[in-house]
N, C-alpha and C. Protein backbone atom coordinates (compact mmCIF):
# COMPACT_ATOMS: atom_id res chain seq x y z
N MET A 1 -20.22 45.58 -9.27
CA MET A 1 -20.50 44.47 -8.37
C MET A 1 -21.37 43.43 -9.08
N LYS A 2 -22.34 43.95 -9.87
CA LYS A 2 -23.24 43.05 -10.59
C LYS A 2 -22.48 42.24 -11.65
N ASN A 3 -21.54 42.88 -12.35
CA ASN A 3 -20.74 42.17 -13.33
C ASN A 3 -19.78 41.17 -12.69
N THR A 4 -19.30 41.49 -11.50
CA THR A 4 -18.42 40.56 -10.80
C THR A 4 -19.16 39.31 -10.41
N ILE A 5 -20.39 39.40 -9.96
CA ILE A 5 -21.17 38.24 -9.60
C ILE A 5 -21.49 37.43 -10.85
N LYS A 6 -21.83 38.10 -11.96
CA LYS A 6 -22.09 37.41 -13.19
C LYS A 6 -20.84 36.64 -13.65
N ASN A 7 -19.68 37.30 -13.56
CA ASN A 7 -18.43 36.64 -13.97
C ASN A 7 -18.13 35.42 -13.09
N MET A 8 -18.41 35.55 -11.78
CA MET A 8 -18.16 34.43 -10.88
C MET A 8 -19.05 33.26 -11.25
N PHE A 9 -20.34 33.52 -11.52
CA PHE A 9 -21.26 32.45 -11.92
C PHE A 9 -20.84 31.84 -13.25
N ALA A 10 -20.40 32.68 -14.19
CA ALA A 10 -19.94 32.17 -15.48
C ALA A 10 -18.72 31.27 -15.30
N LEU A 11 -17.78 31.68 -14.48
CA LEU A 11 -16.60 30.87 -14.21
C LEU A 11 -16.97 29.54 -13.51
N LEU A 12 -17.86 29.64 -12.54
CA LEU A 12 -18.32 28.44 -11.83
C LEU A 12 -18.99 27.47 -12.79
N PHE A 13 -19.85 28.00 -13.66
CA PHE A 13 -20.54 27.16 -14.63
C PHE A 13 -19.52 26.51 -15.60
N LEU A 14 -18.58 27.30 -16.03
CA LEU A 14 -17.53 26.78 -16.95
C LEU A 14 -16.71 25.71 -16.27
N ALA A 15 -16.37 25.90 -15.02
CA ALA A 15 -15.58 24.91 -14.27
C ALA A 15 -16.36 23.61 -14.11
N MET A 16 -17.64 23.73 -13.81
CA MET A 16 -18.50 22.53 -13.63
C MET A 16 -18.64 21.82 -14.96
N LEU A 17 -18.79 22.57 -16.05
CA LEU A 17 -18.94 22.03 -17.35
C LEU A 17 -17.65 21.25 -17.78
N LEU A 18 -16.51 21.87 -17.55
CA LEU A 18 -15.24 21.22 -17.88
C LEU A 18 -14.97 20.01 -17.06
N SER A 19 -15.28 20.09 -15.77
CA SER A 19 -15.02 18.95 -14.89
C SER A 19 -15.99 17.78 -15.18
N GLY A 20 -17.16 18.10 -15.70
CA GLY A 20 -18.09 17.04 -16.06
C GLY A 20 -17.64 16.21 -17.25
N CYS A 21 -16.73 16.74 -18.04
CA CYS A 21 -16.23 16.02 -19.21
C CYS A 21 -15.15 15.03 -18.85
N GLN A 22 -14.65 15.07 -17.65
CA GLN A 22 -13.56 14.16 -17.25
C GLN A 22 -14.11 13.01 -16.41
N THR A 23 -13.53 11.83 -16.63
CA THR A 23 -13.90 10.73 -15.81
C THR A 23 -12.67 10.29 -15.03
N ILE A 24 -12.93 9.74 -13.88
CA ILE A 24 -11.81 9.26 -13.05
C ILE A 24 -11.28 7.94 -13.65
N PRO A 25 -10.01 7.88 -13.96
CA PRO A 25 -9.49 6.66 -14.56
C PRO A 25 -9.54 5.50 -13.58
N PRO A 26 -9.72 4.28 -14.10
CA PRO A 26 -9.73 3.14 -13.20
C PRO A 26 -8.29 2.86 -12.72
N LEU A 27 -8.20 2.09 -11.66
CA LEU A 27 -6.86 1.61 -11.23
C LEU A 27 -6.43 0.62 -12.31
N ASP A 28 -5.31 0.86 -12.92
CA ASP A 28 -4.80 0.06 -14.00
C ASP A 28 -3.27 0.06 -13.91
N PHE A 29 -2.70 -1.09 -13.51
CA PHE A 29 -1.25 -1.14 -13.31
C PHE A 29 -0.50 -1.91 -14.38
N ASN A 30 -1.15 -2.13 -15.52
CA ASN A 30 -0.47 -2.88 -16.61
C ASN A 30 0.56 -1.96 -17.26
N VAL A 31 1.80 -2.43 -17.25
CA VAL A 31 2.90 -1.71 -17.87
C VAL A 31 2.80 -1.93 -19.37
N GLN A 32 2.78 -0.88 -20.15
CA GLN A 32 2.55 -0.98 -21.55
C GLN A 32 3.76 -1.39 -22.37
N ASP A 33 4.95 -1.00 -21.98
CA ASP A 33 6.12 -1.24 -22.79
C ASP A 33 7.08 -2.29 -22.25
N VAL A 34 6.54 -3.42 -21.85
CA VAL A 34 7.34 -4.52 -21.35
C VAL A 34 7.75 -5.41 -22.49
N GLY A 35 9.04 -5.62 -22.67
CA GLY A 35 9.53 -6.53 -23.68
C GLY A 35 10.26 -7.70 -23.03
N MET A 36 10.72 -8.62 -23.86
CA MET A 36 11.45 -9.77 -23.34
C MET A 36 12.77 -9.30 -22.69
N VAL A 37 13.06 -9.84 -21.53
CA VAL A 37 14.28 -9.51 -20.80
C VAL A 37 15.52 -10.06 -21.50
N ASP A 38 16.67 -9.54 -21.17
CA ASP A 38 17.92 -10.02 -21.75
C ASP A 38 18.45 -11.28 -21.08
N HIS A 39 18.12 -11.42 -19.77
CA HIS A 39 18.65 -12.51 -18.99
C HIS A 39 17.54 -13.35 -18.37
N ARG A 40 17.05 -14.34 -19.08
CA ARG A 40 15.99 -15.18 -18.58
C ARG A 40 16.52 -16.03 -17.42
N LYS A 41 15.65 -16.33 -16.47
CA LYS A 41 16.04 -17.08 -15.28
C LYS A 41 15.75 -18.57 -15.47
N ASN A 42 16.66 -19.43 -15.00
CA ASN A 42 16.47 -20.86 -15.05
C ASN A 42 15.61 -21.30 -13.87
N ALA A 43 14.41 -20.74 -13.82
CA ALA A 43 13.48 -21.04 -12.73
C ALA A 43 12.07 -20.92 -13.27
N GLU A 44 11.17 -21.71 -12.69
CA GLU A 44 9.78 -21.70 -13.04
C GLU A 44 8.99 -21.01 -11.91
N LEU A 45 8.24 -19.99 -12.22
CA LEU A 45 7.40 -19.31 -11.26
C LEU A 45 6.18 -20.14 -10.97
N LYS A 46 5.96 -20.58 -9.71
CA LYS A 46 4.85 -21.40 -9.35
C LYS A 46 3.77 -20.63 -8.59
N SER A 47 4.18 -19.57 -7.88
CA SER A 47 3.23 -18.87 -7.04
C SER A 47 3.61 -17.38 -7.01
N LEU A 48 2.55 -16.53 -7.02
CA LEU A 48 2.76 -15.11 -6.93
C LEU A 48 1.71 -14.54 -5.93
N THR A 49 2.22 -13.84 -4.91
CA THR A 49 1.34 -13.20 -3.96
C THR A 49 1.68 -11.75 -3.82
N VAL A 50 0.69 -10.91 -3.64
CA VAL A 50 0.86 -9.50 -3.45
C VAL A 50 -0.05 -9.08 -2.26
N GLY A 51 0.55 -8.41 -1.31
CA GLY A 51 -0.25 -7.94 -0.14
C GLY A 51 0.46 -6.82 0.55
N PHE A 52 -0.15 -6.32 1.59
CA PHE A 52 0.45 -5.25 2.36
C PHE A 52 1.47 -5.84 3.35
N ALA A 53 2.54 -5.13 3.54
CA ALA A 53 3.56 -5.51 4.51
C ALA A 53 3.01 -5.43 5.90
N PRO A 54 3.62 -6.12 6.87
CA PRO A 54 3.17 -5.95 8.29
C PRO A 54 3.33 -4.48 8.71
N GLN A 55 2.49 -4.09 9.62
CA GLN A 55 2.43 -2.71 10.09
C GLN A 55 3.83 -2.16 10.45
N ALA A 56 4.69 -2.95 11.05
CA ALA A 56 6.04 -2.48 11.46
C ALA A 56 6.90 -2.09 10.23
N GLN A 57 6.63 -2.63 9.09
CA GLN A 57 7.42 -2.35 7.86
C GLN A 57 6.82 -1.24 7.04
N GLN A 58 5.60 -0.85 7.32
CA GLN A 58 4.91 0.15 6.47
C GLN A 58 5.35 1.53 6.77
N LYS A 59 5.40 2.34 5.68
CA LYS A 59 5.60 3.78 5.78
C LYS A 59 4.24 4.44 5.62
N THR A 60 4.11 5.49 4.87
CA THR A 60 2.82 6.10 4.62
C THR A 60 2.02 5.16 3.74
N MET A 61 0.80 4.86 4.15
CA MET A 61 0.05 3.83 3.41
C MET A 61 -1.39 4.23 3.17
N GLU A 62 -1.82 4.11 1.90
CA GLU A 62 -3.24 4.19 1.54
C GLU A 62 -3.67 2.73 1.48
N THR A 63 -4.38 2.24 2.46
CA THR A 63 -4.75 0.82 2.53
C THR A 63 -6.04 0.56 1.82
N ASN A 64 -5.98 0.69 0.53
CA ASN A 64 -7.13 0.38 -0.32
C ASN A 64 -7.10 -1.11 -0.65
N SER A 65 -8.11 -1.85 -0.26
CA SER A 65 -8.11 -3.30 -0.39
C SER A 65 -8.06 -3.78 -1.84
N THR A 66 -8.37 -2.88 -2.81
CA THR A 66 -8.31 -3.29 -4.23
C THR A 66 -6.90 -3.22 -4.79
N LEU A 67 -5.98 -2.55 -4.09
CA LEU A 67 -4.63 -2.41 -4.62
C LEU A 67 -3.91 -3.76 -4.85
N PRO A 68 -3.85 -4.67 -3.85
CA PRO A 68 -3.10 -5.92 -4.09
C PRO A 68 -3.58 -6.76 -5.25
N PRO A 69 -4.87 -7.02 -5.43
CA PRO A 69 -5.24 -7.82 -6.58
C PRO A 69 -5.00 -7.14 -7.95
N ILE A 70 -5.16 -5.81 -8.01
CA ILE A 70 -4.89 -5.13 -9.26
C ILE A 70 -3.39 -5.09 -9.51
N TRP A 71 -2.60 -4.89 -8.43
CA TRP A 71 -1.14 -4.90 -8.54
C TRP A 71 -0.69 -6.29 -9.07
N LYS A 72 -1.28 -7.34 -8.48
CA LYS A 72 -0.93 -8.69 -8.88
C LYS A 72 -1.24 -8.93 -10.38
N SER A 73 -2.36 -8.44 -10.81
CA SER A 73 -2.74 -8.58 -12.22
C SER A 73 -1.77 -7.88 -13.12
N GLY A 74 -1.37 -6.67 -12.78
CA GLY A 74 -0.39 -5.91 -13.59
C GLY A 74 0.97 -6.57 -13.60
N LEU A 75 1.36 -7.11 -12.42
CA LEU A 75 2.65 -7.78 -12.31
C LEU A 75 2.67 -9.09 -13.07
N THR A 76 1.58 -9.83 -13.03
CA THR A 76 1.47 -11.08 -13.79
C THR A 76 1.59 -10.81 -15.26
N ASP A 77 0.91 -9.78 -15.72
CA ASP A 77 0.99 -9.43 -17.15
C ASP A 77 2.43 -9.07 -17.53
N ALA A 78 3.12 -8.25 -16.73
CA ALA A 78 4.47 -7.86 -17.00
C ALA A 78 5.44 -9.08 -16.99
N LEU A 79 5.26 -9.97 -16.00
CA LEU A 79 6.10 -11.17 -15.99
C LEU A 79 5.87 -12.03 -17.18
N ASN A 80 4.64 -12.21 -17.59
CA ASN A 80 4.33 -13.05 -18.74
C ASN A 80 4.92 -12.46 -20.01
N ARG A 81 4.86 -11.17 -20.20
CA ARG A 81 5.36 -10.57 -21.40
C ARG A 81 6.89 -10.43 -21.40
N SER A 82 7.48 -10.36 -20.20
CA SER A 82 8.93 -10.23 -20.13
C SER A 82 9.64 -11.57 -20.34
N LEU A 83 8.94 -12.66 -20.09
CA LEU A 83 9.47 -14.02 -20.20
C LEU A 83 10.69 -14.24 -19.33
N VAL A 84 10.70 -13.56 -18.17
CA VAL A 84 11.85 -13.63 -17.28
C VAL A 84 12.00 -15.04 -16.66
N PHE A 85 10.89 -15.68 -16.38
CA PHE A 85 10.91 -17.05 -15.85
C PHE A 85 10.61 -18.04 -16.99
N GLN A 86 11.13 -19.29 -16.85
CA GLN A 86 10.95 -20.31 -17.87
C GLN A 86 10.15 -21.45 -17.30
N ASP A 87 9.38 -22.08 -18.16
CA ASP A 87 8.57 -23.21 -17.75
C ASP A 87 9.45 -24.48 -17.71
N ASP A 88 8.96 -25.49 -16.95
CA ASP A 88 9.56 -26.82 -16.90
C ASP A 88 11.02 -26.77 -16.46
N GLN A 89 11.35 -25.92 -15.53
CA GLN A 89 12.70 -25.86 -14.96
C GLN A 89 12.74 -26.68 -13.66
N SER A 90 13.91 -27.13 -13.31
CA SER A 90 14.05 -27.93 -12.06
C SER A 90 13.89 -27.05 -10.82
N ILE A 91 14.26 -25.77 -10.91
CA ILE A 91 14.10 -24.84 -9.79
C ILE A 91 12.69 -24.22 -9.90
N LYS A 92 11.91 -24.38 -8.86
CA LYS A 92 10.58 -23.80 -8.79
C LYS A 92 10.62 -22.66 -7.77
N VAL A 93 10.05 -21.53 -8.06
CA VAL A 93 10.12 -20.37 -7.19
C VAL A 93 8.74 -19.74 -6.89
N ASN A 94 8.70 -19.05 -5.76
CA ASN A 94 7.56 -18.23 -5.37
C ASN A 94 8.04 -16.78 -5.48
N LEU A 95 7.12 -15.91 -5.85
CA LEU A 95 7.38 -14.47 -5.84
C LEU A 95 6.40 -13.85 -4.88
N SER A 96 6.95 -13.17 -3.89
CA SER A 96 6.12 -12.48 -2.87
C SER A 96 6.37 -11.00 -2.96
N VAL A 97 5.30 -10.21 -2.97
CA VAL A 97 5.40 -8.77 -3.00
C VAL A 97 4.69 -8.22 -1.78
N ARG A 98 5.42 -7.43 -0.99
CA ARG A 98 4.82 -6.81 0.19
C ARG A 98 4.87 -5.29 -0.01
N ILE A 99 3.71 -4.71 -0.09
CA ILE A 99 3.59 -3.26 -0.28
C ILE A 99 3.91 -2.54 1.01
N VAL A 100 4.93 -1.64 1.00
CA VAL A 100 5.29 -0.96 2.22
C VAL A 100 4.92 0.52 2.19
N GLU A 101 4.68 1.06 1.03
CA GLU A 101 4.33 2.47 0.93
C GLU A 101 3.47 2.77 -0.29
N VAL A 102 2.37 3.46 -0.06
CA VAL A 102 1.59 4.08 -1.10
C VAL A 102 1.21 5.46 -0.57
N ASP A 103 1.95 6.43 -0.97
CA ASP A 103 1.73 7.82 -0.46
C ASP A 103 1.12 8.64 -1.59
N ALA A 104 -0.21 8.63 -1.66
CA ALA A 104 -0.94 9.37 -2.72
C ALA A 104 -1.24 10.78 -2.23
N PRO A 105 -1.26 11.73 -3.16
CA PRO A 105 -1.52 13.11 -2.77
C PRO A 105 -2.96 13.37 -2.41
N ASP A 106 -3.19 14.28 -1.47
CA ASP A 106 -4.55 14.71 -1.11
C ASP A 106 -4.99 15.87 -1.98
N ALA A 107 -4.05 16.72 -2.31
CA ALA A 107 -4.33 17.92 -3.11
C ALA A 107 -3.04 18.41 -3.70
N GLY A 108 -3.20 19.29 -4.69
CA GLY A 108 -2.04 19.92 -5.31
C GLY A 108 -2.25 20.16 -6.77
N PHE A 109 -1.27 20.79 -7.34
CA PHE A 109 -1.30 21.04 -8.79
C PHE A 109 -0.67 19.88 -9.53
N ASP A 110 0.66 19.66 -9.35
CA ASP A 110 1.30 18.45 -9.85
C ASP A 110 1.12 17.37 -8.83
N MET A 111 0.49 16.27 -9.19
CA MET A 111 0.23 15.20 -8.23
C MET A 111 1.35 14.17 -8.30
N GLU A 112 1.90 13.87 -7.11
CA GLU A 112 3.01 12.90 -7.06
C GLU A 112 2.69 11.81 -6.02
N THR A 113 2.75 10.57 -6.47
CA THR A 113 2.51 9.42 -5.58
C THR A 113 3.86 8.70 -5.43
N LYS A 114 4.16 8.32 -4.20
CA LYS A 114 5.36 7.50 -3.90
C LYS A 114 4.91 6.11 -3.56
N VAL A 115 5.60 5.11 -4.08
CA VAL A 115 5.26 3.73 -3.87
C VAL A 115 6.54 2.96 -3.51
N GLY A 116 6.38 2.02 -2.60
CA GLY A 116 7.49 1.12 -2.26
C GLY A 116 6.98 -0.30 -2.02
N ALA A 117 7.72 -1.26 -2.49
CA ALA A 117 7.31 -2.67 -2.31
C ALA A 117 8.56 -3.54 -2.20
N ILE A 118 8.50 -4.54 -1.36
CA ILE A 118 9.58 -5.50 -1.21
C ILE A 118 9.22 -6.74 -2.07
N TYR A 119 10.10 -7.03 -3.01
CA TYR A 119 9.94 -8.19 -3.91
C TYR A 119 10.90 -9.27 -3.44
N GLU A 120 10.40 -10.46 -3.27
CA GLU A 120 11.23 -11.58 -2.86
C GLU A 120 10.95 -12.83 -3.72
N VAL A 121 12.03 -13.44 -4.21
CA VAL A 121 11.92 -14.67 -4.97
C VAL A 121 12.53 -15.76 -4.09
N ILE A 122 11.74 -16.80 -3.83
CA ILE A 122 12.12 -17.86 -2.89
C ILE A 122 12.12 -19.20 -3.57
N ASP A 123 13.19 -19.97 -3.43
CA ASP A 123 13.27 -21.33 -3.96
C ASP A 123 12.35 -22.22 -3.19
N ARG A 124 11.41 -22.85 -3.83
CA ARG A 124 10.44 -23.71 -3.15
C ARG A 124 11.07 -25.00 -2.67
N GLY A 125 12.16 -25.42 -3.30
CA GLY A 125 12.80 -26.65 -2.91
C GLY A 125 13.55 -26.61 -1.61
N ASN A 126 14.24 -25.51 -1.35
CA ASN A 126 15.04 -25.45 -0.12
C ASN A 126 14.81 -24.21 0.69
N GLY A 127 13.95 -23.32 0.29
CA GLY A 127 13.61 -22.12 1.05
C GLY A 127 14.65 -20.98 0.90
N ALA A 128 15.63 -21.14 0.01
CA ALA A 128 16.61 -20.12 -0.13
C ALA A 128 15.98 -18.83 -0.74
N MET A 129 16.39 -17.70 -0.25
CA MET A 129 15.95 -16.39 -0.75
C MET A 129 16.88 -16.06 -1.90
N LEU A 130 16.37 -16.14 -3.14
CA LEU A 130 17.19 -15.95 -4.32
C LEU A 130 17.26 -14.48 -4.73
N TYR A 131 16.28 -13.67 -4.29
CA TYR A 131 16.23 -12.27 -4.65
C TYR A 131 15.40 -11.56 -3.59
N SER A 132 15.87 -10.43 -3.16
CA SER A 132 15.12 -9.60 -2.22
C SER A 132 15.48 -8.15 -2.44
N GLU A 133 14.50 -7.36 -2.77
CA GLU A 133 14.79 -5.96 -3.11
C GLU A 133 13.60 -5.07 -2.74
N LEU A 134 13.91 -3.93 -2.13
CA LEU A 134 12.90 -2.87 -1.93
C LEU A 134 12.95 -2.01 -3.16
N ILE A 135 11.87 -1.97 -3.89
CA ILE A 135 11.74 -1.12 -5.10
C ILE A 135 10.89 0.08 -4.75
N GLU A 136 11.45 1.29 -4.91
CA GLU A 136 10.73 2.52 -4.67
C GLU A 136 10.57 3.29 -5.97
N SER A 137 9.41 3.87 -6.18
CA SER A 137 9.16 4.60 -7.38
C SER A 137 8.19 5.73 -7.15
N LYS A 138 8.07 6.59 -8.17
CA LYS A 138 7.16 7.73 -8.10
C LYS A 138 6.32 7.75 -9.36
N GLY A 139 5.22 8.39 -9.26
CA GLY A 139 4.36 8.69 -10.41
C GLY A 139 3.95 10.16 -10.33
N VAL A 140 4.26 10.95 -11.28
CA VAL A 140 3.98 12.36 -11.29
C VAL A 140 3.02 12.70 -12.45
N VAL A 141 1.98 13.44 -12.14
CA VAL A 141 1.00 13.90 -13.13
C VAL A 141 0.92 15.42 -13.04
N PRO A 142 1.29 16.11 -14.15
CA PRO A 142 1.25 17.56 -14.12
C PRO A 142 -0.15 18.14 -14.12
N MET A 143 -0.23 19.41 -13.78
CA MET A 143 -1.53 20.11 -13.71
C MET A 143 -2.25 20.07 -15.01
N ASP A 144 -1.56 20.15 -16.16
CA ASP A 144 -2.23 20.23 -17.45
C ASP A 144 -2.76 18.89 -17.93
N TYR A 145 -2.58 17.82 -17.15
CA TYR A 145 -3.13 16.54 -17.53
C TYR A 145 -4.69 16.51 -17.45
N ALA A 146 -5.20 17.08 -16.37
CA ALA A 146 -6.64 17.11 -16.16
C ALA A 146 -7.01 18.26 -15.21
N PHE A 147 -8.18 18.79 -15.39
CA PHE A 147 -8.65 19.90 -14.49
C PHE A 147 -8.92 19.40 -13.09
N MET A 148 -9.56 18.25 -12.99
CA MET A 148 -9.97 17.72 -11.70
C MET A 148 -8.80 17.06 -10.99
N GLY A 149 -8.59 17.48 -9.73
CA GLY A 149 -7.50 16.89 -8.95
C GLY A 149 -7.59 15.43 -8.72
N ILE A 150 -8.83 14.90 -8.56
CA ILE A 150 -9.00 13.46 -8.31
C ILE A 150 -8.51 12.64 -9.52
N VAL A 151 -8.68 13.18 -10.70
CA VAL A 151 -8.23 12.49 -11.93
C VAL A 151 -6.73 12.46 -11.92
N ARG A 152 -6.06 13.57 -11.62
CA ARG A 152 -4.60 13.61 -11.58
C ARG A 152 -4.05 12.72 -10.46
N ALA A 153 -4.73 12.70 -9.31
CA ALA A 153 -4.26 11.88 -8.19
C ALA A 153 -4.35 10.40 -8.55
N ARG A 154 -5.46 9.95 -9.14
CA ARG A 154 -5.62 8.54 -9.49
C ARG A 154 -4.56 8.13 -10.53
N GLU A 155 -4.36 9.00 -11.53
CA GLU A 155 -3.37 8.68 -12.56
C GLU A 155 -1.98 8.64 -11.98
N SER A 156 -1.68 9.44 -10.94
CA SER A 156 -0.37 9.43 -10.34
C SER A 156 -0.16 8.06 -9.62
N VAL A 157 -1.20 7.52 -9.01
CA VAL A 157 -1.08 6.18 -8.39
C VAL A 157 -0.85 5.13 -9.48
N ASN A 158 -1.59 5.19 -10.57
CA ASN A 158 -1.36 4.27 -11.69
C ASN A 158 0.07 4.32 -12.18
N ARG A 159 0.55 5.53 -12.40
CA ARG A 159 1.91 5.67 -12.91
C ARG A 159 2.96 5.20 -11.92
N ALA A 160 2.77 5.48 -10.66
CA ALA A 160 3.75 5.08 -9.65
C ALA A 160 3.87 3.56 -9.55
N ILE A 161 2.75 2.84 -9.59
CA ILE A 161 2.78 1.41 -9.47
C ILE A 161 3.25 0.78 -10.77
N ARG A 162 2.88 1.32 -11.91
CA ARG A 162 3.45 0.82 -13.19
C ARG A 162 4.95 1.00 -13.18
N ASN A 163 5.47 2.15 -12.72
CA ASN A 163 6.89 2.36 -12.69
C ASN A 163 7.57 1.38 -11.72
N ASN A 164 6.88 1.05 -10.61
CA ASN A 164 7.43 0.12 -9.63
C ASN A 164 7.55 -1.25 -10.26
N ILE A 165 6.53 -1.72 -10.95
CA ILE A 165 6.58 -3.03 -11.60
C ILE A 165 7.65 -3.05 -12.68
N ALA A 166 7.73 -2.02 -13.48
CA ALA A 166 8.77 -1.94 -14.51
C ALA A 166 10.15 -1.93 -13.91
N ASP A 167 10.32 -1.21 -12.80
CA ASP A 167 11.65 -1.19 -12.16
C ASP A 167 12.00 -2.55 -11.59
N PHE A 168 11.01 -3.28 -11.07
CA PHE A 168 11.27 -4.65 -10.58
C PHE A 168 11.69 -5.58 -11.71
N ILE A 169 10.99 -5.52 -12.84
CA ILE A 169 11.32 -6.39 -13.97
C ILE A 169 12.76 -6.11 -14.40
N HIS A 170 13.17 -4.82 -14.47
CA HIS A 170 14.50 -4.44 -14.83
C HIS A 170 15.52 -4.98 -13.83
N SER A 171 15.22 -4.80 -12.56
CA SER A 171 16.12 -5.26 -11.52
C SER A 171 16.26 -6.77 -11.51
N LEU A 172 15.16 -7.49 -11.69
CA LEU A 172 15.20 -8.95 -11.73
C LEU A 172 15.96 -9.42 -12.96
N ASP A 173 15.84 -8.70 -14.09
CA ASP A 173 16.59 -9.04 -15.29
C ASP A 173 18.11 -9.03 -15.00
N GLN A 174 18.53 -8.08 -14.19
CA GLN A 174 19.98 -7.94 -13.90
C GLN A 174 20.44 -8.85 -12.77
N ALA A 175 19.53 -9.43 -12.02
CA ALA A 175 19.88 -10.21 -10.82
C ALA A 175 20.40 -11.61 -11.23
N ASP A 176 21.25 -12.15 -10.38
CA ASP A 176 21.75 -13.51 -10.54
C ASP A 176 21.12 -14.38 -9.50
N LEU A 177 20.10 -15.18 -9.89
CA LEU A 177 19.39 -16.02 -8.93
C LEU A 177 20.22 -17.23 -8.47
N ALA A 178 21.35 -17.46 -9.12
CA ALA A 178 22.27 -18.56 -8.70
C ALA A 178 23.05 -18.18 -7.44
N LYS A 179 23.03 -16.92 -7.04
CA LYS A 179 23.70 -16.48 -5.86
C LYS A 179 22.66 -16.03 -4.83
N PRO A 180 22.19 -16.93 -3.98
CA PRO A 180 21.12 -16.59 -3.04
C PRO A 180 21.49 -15.46 -2.09
N VAL A 181 20.47 -14.70 -1.76
CA VAL A 181 20.64 -13.65 -0.75
C VAL A 181 20.77 -14.30 0.61
N PHE A 182 19.95 -15.27 0.88
CA PHE A 182 20.00 -16.07 2.10
C PHE A 182 19.91 -17.56 1.72
N ALA A 183 20.84 -18.34 2.20
CA ALA A 183 20.88 -19.77 1.82
C ALA A 183 19.73 -20.50 2.50
N GLY A 184 19.23 -21.51 1.79
CA GLY A 184 18.15 -22.35 2.34
C GLY A 184 18.77 -23.61 2.95
N LYS A 185 17.88 -24.56 3.25
CA LYS A 185 18.30 -25.81 3.87
C LYS A 185 18.73 -26.83 2.83
């Protein structure tokens, strides 16, 4: 019995020691491997907004008020590095992102976050919807990534949103903005 208690204290001390070495990663949605797209758009991006979708459109949601500005920063970086939009074009567009789902894990071994956002490109001249797509993605962090669950959970959010932004850039690269989803005036 005495050895069992000693072993429990030793394990508890070791767990606290190991968890003390880990820091919770910051929210960072910058996609690292964005390159120039194959199909640049004959449009100039004038405005970019990122926010939560209206309640009626939302699924499971972690409404952390820091998500939209950090998402916007990561998306701006990816758009700039992809060169998908061109400057000094006659068509000026807005990009609107509405976050509909951020389902982060509460607990678990492998942490998986699900993310969904509606991306819309709108022609500022006539209001035509040039692109509209719901992009859904996941970020999975295995148990061996970090001992502390909070570290794995945060990293799964980072990965899910990075994947979402990367999937959007890929989808936009393939899209034909000359064929509006909804015609404008």
